[in-house]
């Protein structure tokens, strides 16, 4: 056997081995085998809040809607109002397959696609019991419309920050052979006073989560506690 042919054979074997390793390491089992029924999961009334049919959350264009339908198994959009007349628009999108090509889209992407200017105000974690929710604050503006936004993404059993957080958690689950599911939770208000809007949204979120059974609540915020985060950081 000549040196050249031997070298080519070695390269071929390495390529085959790499391909087989890639297949072996590619996750094939979905973490969530059952769909989430968002209509049943989220109550129509809770605490001081009830459905307000007069305002609809942001409607996306047909083009964006068609793209999102490939990513999400189910979506929910509602507006709630309390006795003080405060209104909060709620949007939830769930996808059972969070492989790289099907990962949930951040609100920044959807709002910009609708012509909004979006300012990221940074991370603003929320606490619910012993769970930390990795939430973010945005402000989306279009003409005279000012819409403060609080949102988070759950990938697998925990909430994450941004695209990097999505990638890291997807990688962790992939090493275990799983394709994680994912959920985007977004609330927003039409209010020029962003601080007041965020306080109202936090009050709304706390009331909503408190009204949902723990087993169902985990579908929205995951199960990773503060003690888990401390343990991971060591």
C-alpha atoms as a PDB file:
ATOM      1  CA  UNK A   1       0.000   0.000   0.000  1.00  0.00           C
ATOM      2  CA  UNK A   2       1.430   3.378  -0.980  1.00  0.00           C
ATOM      3  CA  UNK A   3       1.910   6.263   1.476  1.00  0.00           C
ATOM      4  CA  UNK A   4      -0.724   8.360  -0.338  1.00  0.00           C
ATOM      5  CA  UNK A   5      -3.375   5.646  -0.359  1.00  0.00           C
ATOM      6  CA  UNK A   6      -2.639   4.828   3.284  1.00  0.00           C
ATOM      7  CA  UNK A   7      -3.026   8.490   4.214  1.00  0.00           C
ATOM      8  CA  UNK A   8      -6.296   8.722   2.327  1.00  0.00           C
ATOM      9  CA  UNK A   9      -7.540   5.596   4.086  1.00  0.00           C
ATOM     10  CA  UNK A  10      -6.671   7.096   7.472  1.00  0.00           C
ATOM     11  CA  UNK A  11      -8.478  10.336   6.630  1.00  0.00           C
ATOM     12  CA  UNK A  12     -11.489   8.321   5.494  1.00  0.00           C
ATOM     13  CA  UNK A  13     -11.569   6.329   8.717  1.00  0.00           C
ATOM     14  CA  UNK A  14     -11.352   9.533  10.779  1.00  0.00           C
ATOM     15  CA  UNK A  15     -14.255  11.050   8.822  1.00  0.00           C
ATOM     16  CA  UNK A  16     -16.383   7.931   9.306  1.00  0.00           C
ATOM     17  CA  UNK A  17     -15.569   7.869  13.021  1.00  0.00           C
ATOM     18  CA  UNK A  18     -16.498  11.554  13.332  1.00  0.00           C
ATOM     19  CA  UNK A  19     -19.778  10.953  11.518  1.00  0.00           C
ATOM     20  CA  UNK A  20     -20.633   7.996  13.756  1.00  0.00           C
ATOM     21  CA  UNK A  21     -19.756  10.016  16.868  1.00  0.00           C
ATOM     22  CA  UNK A  22     -21.965  12.851  15.658  1.00  0.00           C
ATOM     23  CA  UNK A  23     -24.876  10.468  15.200  1.00  0.00           C
ATOM     24  CA  UNK A  24     -24.281   8.907  18.612  1.00  0.00           C
ATOM     25  CA  UNK A  25     -24.177  12.310  20.324  1.00  0.00           C
ATOM     26  CA  UNK A  26     -27.216  13.683  18.510  1.00  0.00           C
ATOM     27  CA  UNK A  27     -30.129  13.723  20.970  1.00  0.00           C
ATOM     28  CA  UNK A  28     -33.094  11.729  19.757  1.00  0.00           C
ATOM     29  CA  UNK A  29     -35.507  11.590  22.696  1.00  0.00           C
ATOM     30  CA  UNK A  30     -37.751  14.540  23.463  1.00  0.00           C
ATOM     31  CA  UNK A  31     -37.827  15.637  27.078  1.00  0.00           C
ATOM     32  CA  UNK A  32     -41.551  16.400  26.785  1.00  0.00           C
ATOM     33  CA  UNK A  33     -43.554  13.660  25.113  1.00  0.00           C
ATOM     34  CA  UNK A  34     -46.922  15.293  25.797  1.00  0.00           C
ATOM     35  CA  UNK A  35     -48.225  18.665  24.642  1.00  0.00           C
ATOM     36  CA  UNK A  36     -49.165  21.515  26.957  1.00  0.00           C
ATOM     37  CA  UNK A  37     -52.763  22.687  26.833  1.00  0.00           C
ATOM     38  CA  UNK A  38     -52.286  26.401  27.452  1.00  0.00           C
ATOM     39  CA  UNK A  39     -56.021  27.144  27.386  1.00  0.00           C
ATOM     40  CA  UNK A  40     -56.540  24.812  30.332  1.00  0.00           C
ATOM     41  CA  UNK A  41     -53.277  25.672  32.085  1.00  0.00           C
ATOM     42  CA  UNK A  42     -53.890  29.430  32.357  1.00  0.00           C
ATOM     43  CA  UNK A  43     -57.090  30.350  34.250  1.00  0.00           C
ATOM     44  CA  UNK A  44     -59.533  32.873  32.833  1.00  0.00           C
ATOM     45  CA  UNK A  45     -59.840  34.537  36.239  1.00  0.00           C
ATOM     46  CA  UNK A  46     -57.453  34.620  39.191  1.00  0.00           C
ATOM     47  CA  UNK A  47     -56.937  36.949  42.136  1.00  0.00           C
ATOM     48  CA  UNK A  48     -58.072  40.417  41.064  1.00  0.00           C
ATOM     49  CA  UNK A  49     -57.694  39.695  37.351  1.00  0.00           C
ATOM     50  CA  UNK A  50     -60.142  38.657  34.640  1.00  0.00           C
ATOM     51  CA  UNK A  51     -60.262  38.536  30.841  1.00  0.00           C
ATOM     52  CA  UNK A  52     -60.648  41.853  29.009  1.00  0.00           C
ATOM     53  CA  UNK A  53     -61.863  41.156  25.444  1.00  0.00           C
ATOM     54  CA  UNK A  54     -61.454  44.793  24.306  1.00  0.00           C
ATOM     55  CA  UNK A  55     -57.669  44.656  23.805  1.00  0.00           C
ATOM     56  CA  UNK A  56     -55.750  42.039  21.847  1.00  0.00           C
ATOM     57  CA  UNK A  57     -52.004  41.446  22.328  1.00  0.00           C
ATOM     58  CA  UNK A  58     -49.701  42.204  19.407  1.00  0.00           C
ATOM     59  CA  UNK A  59     -50.868  40.481  16.232  1.00  0.00           C
ATOM     60  CA  UNK A  60     -48.034  39.290  14.012  1.00  0.00           C
ATOM     61  CA  UNK A  61     -48.004  39.486  10.222  1.00  0.00           C
ATOM     62  CA  UNK A  62     -49.081  36.411   8.197  1.00  0.00           C
ATOM     63  CA  UNK A  63     -45.435  35.842   7.179  1.00  0.00           C
ATOM     64  CA  UNK A  64     -44.197  35.870  10.774  1.00  0.00           C
ATOM     65  CA  UNK A  65     -47.183  33.769  11.889  1.00  0.00           C
ATOM     66  CA  UNK A  66     -46.349  31.107   9.289  1.00  0.00           C
ATOM     67  CA  UNK A  67     -42.750  30.960  10.513  1.00  0.00           C
ATOM     68  CA  UNK A  68     -43.777  30.752  14.163  1.00  0.00           C
ATOM     69  CA  UNK A  69     -46.198  27.911  13.431  1.00  0.00           C
ATOM     70  CA  UNK A  70     -43.178  25.785  12.495  1.00  0.00           C
ATOM     71  CA  UNK A  71     -41.585  26.428  15.900  1.00  0.00           C
ATOM     72  CA  UNK A  72     -44.490  26.348  18.336  1.00  0.00           C
ATOM     73  CA  UNK A  73     -46.993  23.582  19.023  1.00  0.00           C
ATOM     74  CA  UNK A  74     -49.318  25.941  20.835  1.00  0.00           C
ATOM     75  CA  UNK A  75     -49.762  29.643  21.561  1.00  0.00           C
ATOM     76  CA  UNK A  76     -52.015  31.674  23.843  1.00  0.00           C
ATOM     77  CA  UNK A  77     -52.819  35.412  23.730  1.00  0.00           C
ATOM     78  CA  UNK A  78     -55.082  37.156  26.222  1.00  0.00           C
ATOM     79  CA  UNK A  79     -55.584  40.523  27.897  1.00  0.00           C
ATOM     80  CA  UNK A  80     -56.483  40.768  31.573  1.00  0.00           C
ATOM     81  CA  UNK A  81     -57.810  43.698  33.619  1.00  0.00           C
ATOM     82  CA  UNK A  82     -58.154  44.198  37.369  1.00  0.00           C
ATOM     83  CA  UNK A  83     -60.586  46.268  39.431  1.00  0.00           C
ATOM     84  CA  UNK A  84     -58.241  49.262  39.297  1.00  0.00           C
ATOM     85  CA  UNK A  85     -58.461  49.249  35.497  1.00  0.00           C
ATOM     86  CA  UNK A  86     -54.869  48.087  35.049  1.00  0.00           C
ATOM     87  CA  UNK A  87     -54.429  45.959  31.932  1.00  0.00           C
ATOM     88  CA  UNK A  88     -51.807  43.356  31.109  1.00  0.00           C
ATOM     89  CA  UNK A  89     -51.430  41.569  27.789  1.00  0.00           C
ATOM     90  CA  UNK A  90     -50.272  37.953  28.092  1.00  0.00           C
ATOM     91  CA  UNK A  91     -48.693  35.851  25.351  1.00  0.00           C
ATOM     92  CA  UNK A  92     -47.324  32.328  25.793  1.00  0.00           C
ATOM     93  CA  UNK A  93     -45.784  30.142  23.100  1.00  0.00           C
ATOM     94  CA  UNK A  94     -44.789  26.504  23.607  1.00  0.00           C
ATOM     95  CA  UNK A  95     -42.556  24.304  21.453  1.00  0.00           C
ATOM     96  CA  UNK A  96     -41.952  20.644  22.223  1.00  0.00           C
ATOM     97  CA  UNK A  97     -38.771  20.489  20.126  1.00  0.00           C
ATOM     98  CA  UNK A  98     -36.010  22.944  21.003  1.00  0.00           C
ATOM     99  CA  UNK A  99     -33.400  21.732  18.556  1.00  0.00           C
ATOM    100  CA  UNK A 100     -31.262  24.528  17.114  1.00  0.00           C
ATOM    101  CA  UNK A 101     -33.436  25.156  14.058  1.00  0.00           C
ATOM    102  CA  UNK A 102     -36.671  25.223  16.082  1.00  0.00           C
ATOM    103  CA  UNK A 103     -35.725  27.239  19.173  1.00  0.00           C
ATOM    104  CA  UNK A 104     -38.124  29.808  20.643  1.00  0.00           C
ATOM    105  CA  UNK A 105     -37.828  33.355  19.334  1.00  0.00           C
ATOM    106  CA  UNK A 106     -37.134  36.223  21.695  1.00  0.00           C
ATOM    107  CA  UNK A 107     -39.703  39.074  21.700  1.00  0.00           C
ATOM    108  CA  UNK A 108     -37.015  41.395  20.351  1.00  0.00           C
ATOM    109  CA  UNK A 109     -37.173  39.458  17.094  1.00  0.00           C
ATOM    110  CA  UNK A 110     -40.959  39.448  16.746  1.00  0.00           C
ATOM    111  CA  UNK A 111     -41.449  43.105  17.689  1.00  0.00           C
ATOM    112  CA  UNK A 112     -38.718  44.345  15.360  1.00  0.00           C
ATOM    113  CA  UNK A 113     -40.307  42.288  12.562  1.00  0.00           C
ATOM    114  CA  UNK A 114     -43.510  44.263  13.182  1.00  0.00           C
ATOM    115  CA  UNK A 115     -41.730  47.617  12.793  1.00  0.00           C
ATOM    116  CA  UNK A 116     -41.159  48.404  16.488  1.00  0.00           C
ATOM    117  CA  UNK A 117     -38.055  49.934  17.964  1.00  0.00           C
ATOM    118  CA  UNK A 118     -36.986  47.734  20.863  1.00  0.00           C
ATOM    119  CA  UNK A 119     -34.762  48.757  23.762  1.00  0.00           C
ATOM    120  CA  UNK A 120     -33.382  45.992  25.975  1.00  0.00           C
ATOM    121  CA  UNK A 121     -33.359  47.214  29.591  1.00  0.00           C
ATOM    122  CA  UNK A 122     -31.441  44.150  30.752  1.00  0.00           C
ATOM    123  CA  UNK A 123     -31.979  41.185  33.007  1.00  0.00           C
ATOM    124  CA  UNK A 124     -34.525  41.561  35.789  1.00  0.00           C
ATOM    125  CA  UNK A 125     -34.837  38.221  37.644  1.00  0.00           C
ATOM    126  CA  UNK A 126     -38.065  37.506  39.495  1.00  0.00           C
ATOM    127  CA  UNK A 127     -38.450  35.383  42.607  1.00  0.00           C
ATOM    128  CA  UNK A 128     -41.364  33.046  43.153  1.00  0.00           C
ATOM    129  CA  UNK A 129     -40.917  31.050  46.316  1.00  0.00           C
ATOM    130  CA  UNK A 130     -37.545  29.342  46.005  1.00  0.00           C
ATOM    131  CA  UNK A 131     -37.469  29.639  42.229  1.00  0.00           C
ATOM    132  CA  UNK A 132     -35.586  32.315  40.349  1.00  0.00           C
ATOM    133  CA  UNK A 133     -37.161  33.275  37.032  1.00  0.00           C
ATOM    134  CA  UNK A 134     -34.600  34.673  34.588  1.00  0.00           C
ATOM    135  CA  UNK A 135     -36.758  37.480  33.228  1.00  0.00           C
ATOM    136  CA  UNK A 136     -35.852  40.467  31.076  1.00  0.00           C
ATOM    137  CA  UNK A 137     -37.354  43.915  30.601  1.00  0.00           C
ATOM    138  CA  UNK A 138     -37.819  45.575  27.214  1.00  0.00           C
ATOM    139  CA  UNK A 139     -39.575  48.635  25.882  1.00  0.00           C
ATOM    140  CA  UNK A 140     -41.082  48.443  22.395  1.00  0.00           C
ATOM    141  CA  UNK A 141     -42.149  51.701  20.757  1.00  0.00           C
ATOM    142  CA  UNK A 142     -43.991  52.463  17.542  1.00  0.00           C
ATOM    143  CA  UNK A 143     -45.151  56.030  16.998  1.00  0.00           C
ATOM    144  CA  UNK A 144     -46.993  57.088  20.156  1.00  0.00           C
ATOM    145  CA  UNK A 145     -47.308  53.500  21.393  1.00  0.00           C
ATOM    146  CA  UNK A 146     -45.030  52.612  24.302  1.00  0.00           C
ATOM    147  CA  UNK A 147     -45.143  48.998  25.454  1.00  0.00           C
ATOM    148  CA  UNK A 148     -43.016  47.899  28.443  1.00  0.00           C
ATOM    149  CA  UNK A 149     -42.424  44.132  28.308  1.00  0.00           C
ATOM    150  CA  UNK A 150     -41.417  41.475  30.822  1.00  0.00           C
ATOM    151  CA  UNK A 151     -40.519  38.076  29.404  1.00  0.00           C
ATOM    152  CA  UNK A 152     -38.659  34.863  30.059  1.00  0.00           C
ATOM    153  CA  UNK A 153     -37.781  31.681  28.214  1.00  0.00           C
ATOM    154  CA  UNK A 154     -37.927  28.223  29.740  1.00  0.00           C
ATOM    155  CA  UNK A 155     -35.733  25.605  28.103  1.00  0.00           C
ATOM    156  CA  UNK A 156     -36.081  22.158  29.663  1.00  0.00           C
ATOM    157  CA  UNK A 157     -36.309  22.475  33.439  1.00  0.00           C
ATOM    158  CA  UNK A 158     -35.055  26.034  33.842  1.00  0.00           C
ATOM    159  CA  UNK A 159     -35.443  29.585  32.578  1.00  0.00           C
ATOM    160  CA  UNK A 160     -32.534  31.057  30.619  1.00  0.00           C
ATOM    161  CA  UNK A 161     -31.161  34.401  29.478  1.00  0.00           C
ATOM    162  CA  UNK A 162     -30.948  35.011  25.742  1.00  0.00           C
ATOM    163  CA  UNK A 163     -29.587  32.943  22.896  1.00  0.00           C
ATOM    164  CA  UNK A 164     -26.482  31.885  24.811  1.00  0.00           C
ATOM    165  CA  UNK A 165     -28.607  30.528  27.646  1.00  0.00           C
ATOM    166  CA  UNK A 166     -30.717  28.626  25.130  1.00  0.00           C
ATOM    167  CA  UNK A 167     -27.623  27.099  23.533  1.00  0.00           C
ATOM    168  CA  UNK A 168     -26.008  26.104  26.826  1.00  0.00           C
ATOM    169  CA  UNK A 169     -29.119  24.420  28.175  1.00  0.00           C
ATOM    170  CA  UNK A 170     -29.797  22.698  24.859  1.00  0.00           C
ATOM    171  CA  UNK A 171     -26.203  21.389  24.927  1.00  0.00           C
ATOM    172  CA  UNK A 172     -26.539  20.133  28.522  1.00  0.00           C
ATOM    173  CA  UNK A 173     -29.719  18.253  27.680  1.00  0.00           C
ATOM    174  CA  UNK A 174     -28.187  16.974  24.440  1.00  0.00           C
ATOM    175  CA  UNK A 175     -25.339  15.335  26.349  1.00  0.00           C
ATOM    176  CA  UNK A 176     -27.984  13.340  28.187  1.00  0.00           C
ATOM    177  CA  UNK A 177     -29.603  12.352  24.897  1.00  0.00           C
ATOM    178  CA  UNK A 178     -32.608  14.666  25.195  1.00  0.00           C
ATOM    179  CA  UNK A 179     -34.127  17.367  23.014  1.00  0.00           C
ATOM    180  CA  UNK A 180     -35.575  19.882  25.498  1.00  0.00           C
ATOM    181  CA  UNK A 181     -38.945  21.528  25.139  1.00  0.00           C
ATOM    182  CA  UNK A 182     -39.261  25.305  25.447  1.00  0.00           C
ATOM    183  CA  UNK A 183     -41.694  28.037  26.355  1.00  0.00           C
ATOM    184  CA  UNK A 184     -41.780  31.798  25.915  1.00  0.00           C
ATOM    185  CA  UNK A 185     -43.779  33.755  28.508  1.00  0.00           C
ATOM    186  CA  UNK A 186     -44.422  37.440  27.793  1.00  0.00           C
ATOM    187  CA  UNK A 187     -46.499  40.121  29.496  1.00  0.00           C
ATOM    188  CA  UNK A 188     -46.752  43.729  28.405  1.00  0.00           C
ATOM    189  CA  UNK A 189     -48.724  46.910  29.022  1.00  0.00           C
ATOM    190  CA  UNK A 190     -49.540  50.047  27.060  1.00  0.00           C
ATOM    191  CA  UNK A 191     -48.031  52.590  29.445  1.00  0.00           C
ATOM    192  CA  UNK A 192     -45.574  55.470  29.104  1.00  0.00           C
ATOM    193  CA  UNK A 193     -44.561  54.983  32.757  1.00  0.00           C
ATOM    194  CA  UNK A 194     -42.328  51.931  32.460  1.00  0.00           C
ATOM    195  CA  UNK A 195     -41.638  51.567  36.191  1.00  0.00           C
ATOM    196  CA  UNK A 196     -45.345  51.516  36.995  1.00  0.00           C
ATOM    197  CA  UNK A 197     -45.930  49.074  34.147  1.00  0.00           C
ATOM    198  CA  UNK A 198     -43.262  46.686  35.425  1.00  0.00           C
ATOM    199  CA  UNK A 199     -44.696  46.811  38.954  1.00  0.00           C
ATOM    200  CA  UNK A 200     -48.138  45.972  37.599  1.00  0.00           C
ATOM    201  CA  UNK A 201     -46.727  43.146  35.487  1.00  0.00           C
ATOM    202  CA  UNK A 202     -44.876  41.657  38.451  1.00  0.00           C
ATOM    203  CA  UNK A 203     -48.074  41.788  40.500  1.00  0.00           C
ATOM    204  CA  UNK A 204     -49.924  40.072  37.649  1.00  0.00           C
ATOM    205  CA  UNK A 205     -47.267  37.355  37.283  1.00  0.00           C
ATOM    206  CA  UNK A 206     -47.263  36.593  41.008  1.00  0.00           C
ATOM    207  CA  UNK A 207     -51.065  36.306  41.078  1.00  0.00           C
ATOM    208  CA  UNK A 208     -51.098  34.063  38.006  1.00  0.00           C
ATOM    209  CA  UNK A 209     -48.408  31.685  39.238  1.00  0.00           C
ATOM    210  CA  UNK A 210     -50.029  31.516  42.676  1.00  0.00           C
ATOM    211  CA  UNK A 211     -53.301  30.426  41.069  1.00  0.00           C
ATOM    212  CA  UNK A 212     -51.740  27.468  39.223  1.00  0.00           C
ATOM    213  CA  UNK A 213     -51.013  24.082  40.789  1.00  0.00           C
ATOM    214  CA  UNK A 214     -47.262  23.443  41.325  1.00  0.00           C
ATOM    215  CA  UNK A 215     -47.174  20.523  38.873  1.00  0.00           C
ATOM    216  CA  UNK A 216     -48.636  22.722  36.146  1.00  0.00           C
ATOM    217  CA  UNK A 217     -46.723  25.840  37.232  1.00  0.00           C
ATOM    218  CA  UNK A 218     -43.426  24.112  36.476  1.00  0.00           C
ATOM    219  CA  UNK A 219     -44.417  24.064  32.811  1.00  0.00           C
ATOM    220  CA  UNK A 220     -44.172  27.861  32.862  1.00  0.00           C
ATOM    221  CA  UNK A 221     -41.146  28.471  35.082  1.00  0.00           C
ATOM    222  CA  UNK A 222     -39.289  25.155  35.328  1.00  0.00           C
ATOM    223  CA  UNK A 223     -38.118  23.464  38.497  1.00  0.00           C
ATOM    224  CA  UNK A 224     -34.578  24.755  39.082  1.00  0.00           C
ATOM    225  CA  UNK A 225     -34.419  26.378  42.540  1.00  0.00           C
ATOM    226  CA  UNK A 226     -31.984  28.946  43.921  1.00  0.00           C
ATOM    227  CA  UNK A 227     -30.165  26.161  45.762  1.00  0.00           C
ATOM    228  CA  UNK A 228     -29.694  24.342  42.447  1.00  0.00           C
ATOM    229  CA  UNK A 229     -28.169  27.476  40.924  1.00  0.00           C
ATOM    230  CA  UNK A 230     -25.769  27.880  43.841  1.00  0.00           C
ATOM    231  CA  UNK A 231     -24.784  24.215  43.584  1.00  0.00           C
ATOM    232  CA  UNK A 232     -24.115  24.549  39.840  1.00  0.00           C
ATOM    233  CA  UNK A 233     -21.971  27.629  40.405  1.00  0.00           C
ATOM    234  CA  UNK A 234     -19.600  25.814  42.816  1.00  0.00           C
END
